[in-house]
PDB file of N, CA and C in Angstrom:
ATOM      1  N   MET A   1      89.544  91.730  90.775  1.00  0.00           N
ATOM      2  CA  MET A   1      90.808  91.800  91.600  1.00  0.00           C
ATOM      3  C   MET A   1      91.541  90.461  91.461  1.00  0.00           C
ATOM      4  N   ALA A   2      92.791  90.590  91.612  1.00  0.00           N
ATOM      5  CA  ALA A   2      93.667  89.416  91.556  1.00  0.00           C
ATOM      6  C   ALA A   2      93.501  88.551  92.780  1.00  0.00           C
ATOM      7  N   GLU A   3      93.698  87.251  92.648  1.00  0.00           N
ATOM      8  CA  GLU A   3      93.594  86.320  93.784  1.00  0.00           C
ATOM      9  C   GLU A   3      94.942  86.369  94.534  1.00  0.00           C
ATOM     10  N   ILE A   4      94.789  86.288  95.865  1.00  0.00           N
ATOM     11  CA  ILE A   4      96.010  86.273  96.745  1.00  0.00           C
ATOM     12  C   ILE A   4      96.718  84.965  96.476  1.00  0.00           C
ATOM     13  N   LYS A   5      97.979  85.070  96.186  1.00  0.00           N
ATOM     14  CA  LYS A   5      98.817  83.907  95.842  1.00  0.00           C
ATOM     15  C   LYS A   5      99.522  83.330  97.050  1.00  0.00           C
ATOM     16  N   GLU A   6      99.711  81.997  97.051  1.00  0.00           N
ATOM     17  CA  GLU A   6     100.537  81.429  98.072  1.00  0.00           C
ATOM     18  C   GLU A   6     101.994  81.863  97.881  1.00  0.00           C
ATOM     19  N   ARG A   7     102.672  82.130  98.898  1.00  0.00           N
ATOM     20  CA  ARG A   7     104.121  82.588  98.801  1.00  0.00           C
ATOM     21  C   ARG A   7     104.994  81.698  99.687  1.00  0.00           C
ATOM     22  N   GLU A   8     106.240  81.737  99.276  1.00  0.00           N
ATOM     23  CA  GLU A   8     107.215  81.059 100.126  1.00  0.00           C
ATOM     24  C   GLU A   8     107.301  81.850 101.396  1.00  0.00           C
ATOM     25  N   GLU A   9     107.856  81.239 102.459  1.00  0.00           N
ATOM     26  CA  GLU A   9     107.962  81.889 103.733  1.00  0.00           C
ATOM     27  C   GLU A   9     108.781  83.181 103.536  1.00  0.00           C
ATOM     28  N   CYS A  10     108.312  84.272 104.137  1.00  0.00           N
ATOM     29  CA  CYS A  10     109.003  85.593 103.967  1.00  0.00           C
ATOM     30  C   CYS A  10     110.307  85.555 104.719  1.00  0.00           C
ATOM     31  N   PRO A  11     111.410  85.899 104.059  1.00  0.00           N
ATOM     32  CA  PRO A  11     112.729  85.843 104.693  1.00  0.00           C
ATOM     33  C   PRO A  11     112.921  87.012 105.690  1.00  0.00           C
ATOM     34  N   ASN A  12     112.077  88.008 105.635  1.00  0.00           N
ATOM     35  CA  ASN A  12     112.183  89.173 106.505  1.00  0.00           C
ATOM     36  C   ASN A  12     111.131  89.241 107.622  1.00  0.00           C
ATOM     37  N   ILE A  13     110.455  88.140 107.845  1.00  0.00           N
ATOM     38  CA  ILE A  13     109.328  88.151 108.784  1.00  0.00           C
ATOM     39  C   ILE A  13     109.668  88.594 110.165  1.00  0.00           C
ATOM     40  N   GLU A  14     110.849  88.222 110.654  1.00  0.00           N
ATOM     41  CA  GLU A  14     111.255  88.578 112.029  1.00  0.00           C
ATOM     42  C   GLU A  14     111.482  90.057 112.158  1.00  0.00           C
ATOM     43  N   VAL A  15     112.138  90.646 111.185  1.00  0.00           N
ATOM     44  CA  VAL A  15     112.361  92.108 111.183  1.00  0.00           C
ATOM     45  C   VAL A  15     111.052  92.841 110.982  1.00  0.00           C
ATOM     46  N   ASN A  16     110.288  92.395 110.010  1.00  0.00           N
ATOM     47  CA  ASN A  16     109.006  93.035 109.708  1.00  0.00           C
ATOM     48  C   ASN A  16     108.085  92.961 110.931  1.00  0.00           C
ATOM     49  N   ASP A  17     108.074  91.885 111.650  1.00  0.00           N
ATOM     50  CA  ASP A  17     107.188  91.688 112.860  1.00  0.00           C
ATOM     51  C   ASP A  17     107.530  92.732 113.906  1.00  0.00           C
ATOM     52  N   ILE A  18     108.795  93.038 114.062  1.00  0.00           N
ATOM     53  CA  ILE A  18     109.198  94.028 115.059  1.00  0.00           C
ATOM     54  C   ILE A  18     108.669  95.389 114.657  1.00  0.00           C
ATOM     55  N   ASP A  19     108.771  95.766 113.421  1.00  0.00           N
ATOM     56  CA  ASP A  19     108.358  97.084 112.965  1.00  0.00           C
ATOM     57  C   ASP A  19     106.863  97.192 112.625  1.00  0.00           C
ATOM     58  N   CYS A  20     106.171  96.096 112.532  1.00  0.00           N
ATOM     59  CA  CYS A  20     104.752  96.110 112.098  1.00  0.00           C
ATOM     60  C   CYS A  20     103.887  96.817 113.223  1.00  0.00           C
ATOM     61  N   ASN A  21     103.167  97.862 112.829  1.00  0.00           N
ATOM     62  CA  ASN A  21     102.375  98.607 113.777  1.00  0.00           C
ATOM     63  C   ASN A  21     100.902  98.201 113.795  1.00  0.00           C
ATOM     64  N   CYS A  22     100.591  97.156 113.073  1.00  0.00           N
ATOM     65  CA  CYS A  22      99.207  96.703 113.020  1.00  0.00           C
ATOM     66  C   CYS A  22      98.826  96.071 114.291  1.00  0.00           C
ATOM     67  N   GLU A  23      97.646  96.324 114.757  1.00  0.00           N
ATOM     68  CA  GLU A  23      97.143  95.804 116.050  1.00  0.00           C
ATOM     69  C   GLU A  23      96.145  94.671 115.852  1.00  0.00           C
ATOM     70  N   ALA A  24      95.873  94.345 114.600  1.00  0.00           N
ATOM     71  CA  ALA A  24      94.936  93.227 114.310  1.00  0.00           C
ATOM     72  C   ALA A  24      95.658  91.862 114.477  1.00  0.00           C
ATOM     73  N   ASP A  25      94.873  90.907 114.973  1.00  0.00           N
ATOM     74  CA  ASP A  25      95.381  89.542 115.070  1.00  0.00           C
ATOM     75  C   ASP A  25      95.183  88.921 113.700  1.00  0.00           C
ATOM     76  N   CYS A  26      96.231  88.920 112.880  1.00  0.00           N
ATOM     77  CA  CYS A  26      96.105  88.536 111.502  1.00  0.00           C
ATOM     78  C   CYS A  26      97.208  87.548 111.115  1.00  0.00           C
ATOM     79  N   GLU A  27      96.885  86.589 110.238  1.00  0.00           N
ATOM     80  CA  GLU A  27      97.874  85.615 109.787  1.00  0.00           C
ATOM     81  C   GLU A  27      98.965  86.267 108.920  1.00  0.00           C
ATOM     82  N   ARG A  28      98.700  87.461 108.396  1.00  0.00           N
ATOM     83  CA  ARG A  28      99.636  88.166 107.554  1.00  0.00           C
ATOM     84  C   ARG A  28     100.571  89.105 108.301  1.00  0.00           C
ATOM     85  N   HIS A  29     100.431  89.167 109.607  1.00  0.00           N
ATOM     86  CA  HIS A  29     101.263  90.073 110.467  1.00  0.00           C
ATOM     87  C   HIS A  29     102.707  89.798 110.199  1.00  0.00           C
ATOM     88  N   GLY A  30     103.443  90.851 109.723  1.00  0.00           N
ATOM     89  CA  GLY A  30     104.877  90.730 109.451  1.00  0.00           C
ATOM     90  C   GLY A  30     105.170  90.254 108.059  1.00  0.00           C
ATOM     91  N   VAL A  31     104.198  89.842 107.288  1.00  0.00           N
ATOM     92  CA  VAL A  31     104.409  89.396 105.900  1.00  0.00           C
ATOM     93  C   VAL A  31     103.834  90.524 105.020  1.00  0.00           C
ATOM     94  N   CYS A  32     104.619  91.528 104.875  1.00  0.00           N
ATOM     95  CA  CYS A  32     104.191  92.798 104.273  1.00  0.00           C
ATOM     96  C   CYS A  32     103.592  92.650 102.845  1.00  0.00           C
ATOM     97  N   CYS A  33     104.235  91.836 102.014  1.00  0.00           N
ATOM     98  CA  CYS A  33     103.704  91.748 100.650  1.00  0.00           C
ATOM     99  C   CYS A  33     102.304  91.139 100.621  1.00  0.00           C
ATOM    100  N   ALA A  34     102.029  90.180 101.482  1.00  0.00           N
ATOM    101  CA  ALA A  34     100.710  89.563 101.566  1.00  0.00           C
ATOM    102  C   ALA A  34      99.700  90.521 102.213  1.00  0.00           C
ATOM    103  N   CYS A  35     100.122  91.263 103.169  1.00  0.00           N
ATOM    104  CA  CYS A  35      99.271  92.246 103.892  1.00  0.00           C
ATOM    105  C   CYS A  35      98.830  93.359 102.877  1.00  0.00           C
ATOM    106  N   ILE A  36      99.788  93.906 102.177  1.00  0.00           N
ATOM    107  CA  ILE A  36      99.450  94.964 101.224  1.00  0.00           C
ATOM    108  C   ILE A  36      98.539  94.472 100.127  1.00  0.00           C
ATOM    109  N   GLU A  37      98.784  93.248  99.650  1.00  0.00           N
ATOM    110  CA  GLU A  37      97.928  92.680  98.610  1.00  0.00           C
ATOM    111  C   GLU A  37      96.513  92.455  99.115  1.00  0.00           C
ATOM    112  N   ALA A  38      96.357  91.981 100.340  1.00  0.00           N
ATOM    113  CA  ALA A  38      95.038  91.792 100.907  1.00  0.00           C
ATOM    114  C   ALA A  38      94.274  93.105 101.105  1.00  0.00           C
ATOM    115  N   HIS A  39      94.965  94.095 101.592  1.00  0.00           N
ATOM    116  CA  HIS A  39      94.372  95.396 101.793  1.00  0.00           C
ATOM    117  C   HIS A  39      94.025  96.062 100.464  1.00  0.00           C
ATOM    118  N   ARG A  40      94.777  95.879  99.441  1.00  0.00           N
ATOM    119  CA  ARG A  40      94.433  96.428  98.113  1.00  0.00           C
ATOM    120  C   ARG A  40      93.174  95.830  97.616  1.00  0.00           C
ATOM    121  N   GLN A  41      92.990  94.516  97.850  1.00  0.00           N
ATOM    122  CA  GLN A  41      91.725  93.885  97.417  1.00  0.00           C
ATOM    123  C   GLN A  41      90.574  94.438  98.148  1.00  0.00           C
ATOM    124  N   LEU A  42      90.756  94.883  99.366  1.00  0.00           N
ATOM    125  CA  LEU A  42      89.684  95.530 100.171  1.00  0.00           C
ATOM    126  C   LEU A  42      89.487  96.995  99.852  1.00  0.00           C
ATOM    127  N   GLY A  43      90.397  97.561  99.066  1.00  0.00           N
ATOM    128  CA  GLY A  43      90.312  98.968  98.724  1.00  0.00           C
ATOM    129  C   GLY A  43      90.816  99.910  99.768  1.00  0.00           C
ATOM    130  N   ASN A  44      91.686  99.402 100.641  1.00  0.00           N
ATOM    131  CA  ASN A  44      92.214 100.322 101.693  1.00  0.00           C
ATOM    132  C   ASN A  44      93.664 100.088 101.907  1.00  0.00           C
ATOM    133  N   LEU A  45      94.264 100.716 102.880  1.00  0.00           N
ATOM    134  CA  LEU A  45      95.671 100.593 103.125  1.00  0.00           C
ATOM    135  C   LEU A  45      95.900  99.974 104.545  1.00  0.00           C
ATOM    136  N   PRO A  46      97.011  99.218 104.698  1.00  0.00           N
ATOM    137  CA  PRO A  46      97.333  98.728 106.031  1.00  0.00           C
ATOM    138  C   PRO A  46      97.857  99.865 106.939  1.00  0.00           C
ATOM    139  N   ALA A  47      97.836  99.636 108.230  1.00  0.00           N
ATOM    140  CA  ALA A  47      98.229 100.699 109.193  1.00  0.00           C
ATOM    141  C   ALA A  47      99.607 101.256 108.898  1.00  0.00           C
ATOM    142  N   CYS A  48     100.536 100.439 108.375  1.00  0.00           N
ATOM    143  CA  CYS A  48     101.881 100.963 108.153  1.00  0.00           C
ATOM    144  C   CYS A  48     101.904 102.025 106.976  1.00  0.00           C
ATOM    145  N   LEU A  49     100.944 102.041 106.139  1.00  0.00           N
ATOM    146  CA  LEU A  49     100.926 102.934 104.990  1.00  0.00           C
ATOM    147  C   LEU A  49      99.798 104.017 105.115  1.00  0.00           C
ATOM    148  N   ALA A  50      98.968 103.901 106.119  1.00  0.00           N
ATOM    149  CA  ALA A  50      97.842 104.827 106.226  1.00  0.00           C
ATOM    150  C   ALA A  50      98.324 106.130 106.893  1.00  0.00           C
TER     151      ALA A  50
END
């Protein structure tokens, strides 16, 4: 699997945070690209895509 890359601050984090239905206390909350990448490495989908 690919390594999770450091990213610049997400320009949409405020909007994403409002719409994010994930209930986990996670550092990727609202940073959709990082969340999806992390879940792909675990072989599953985040709550927004499940």
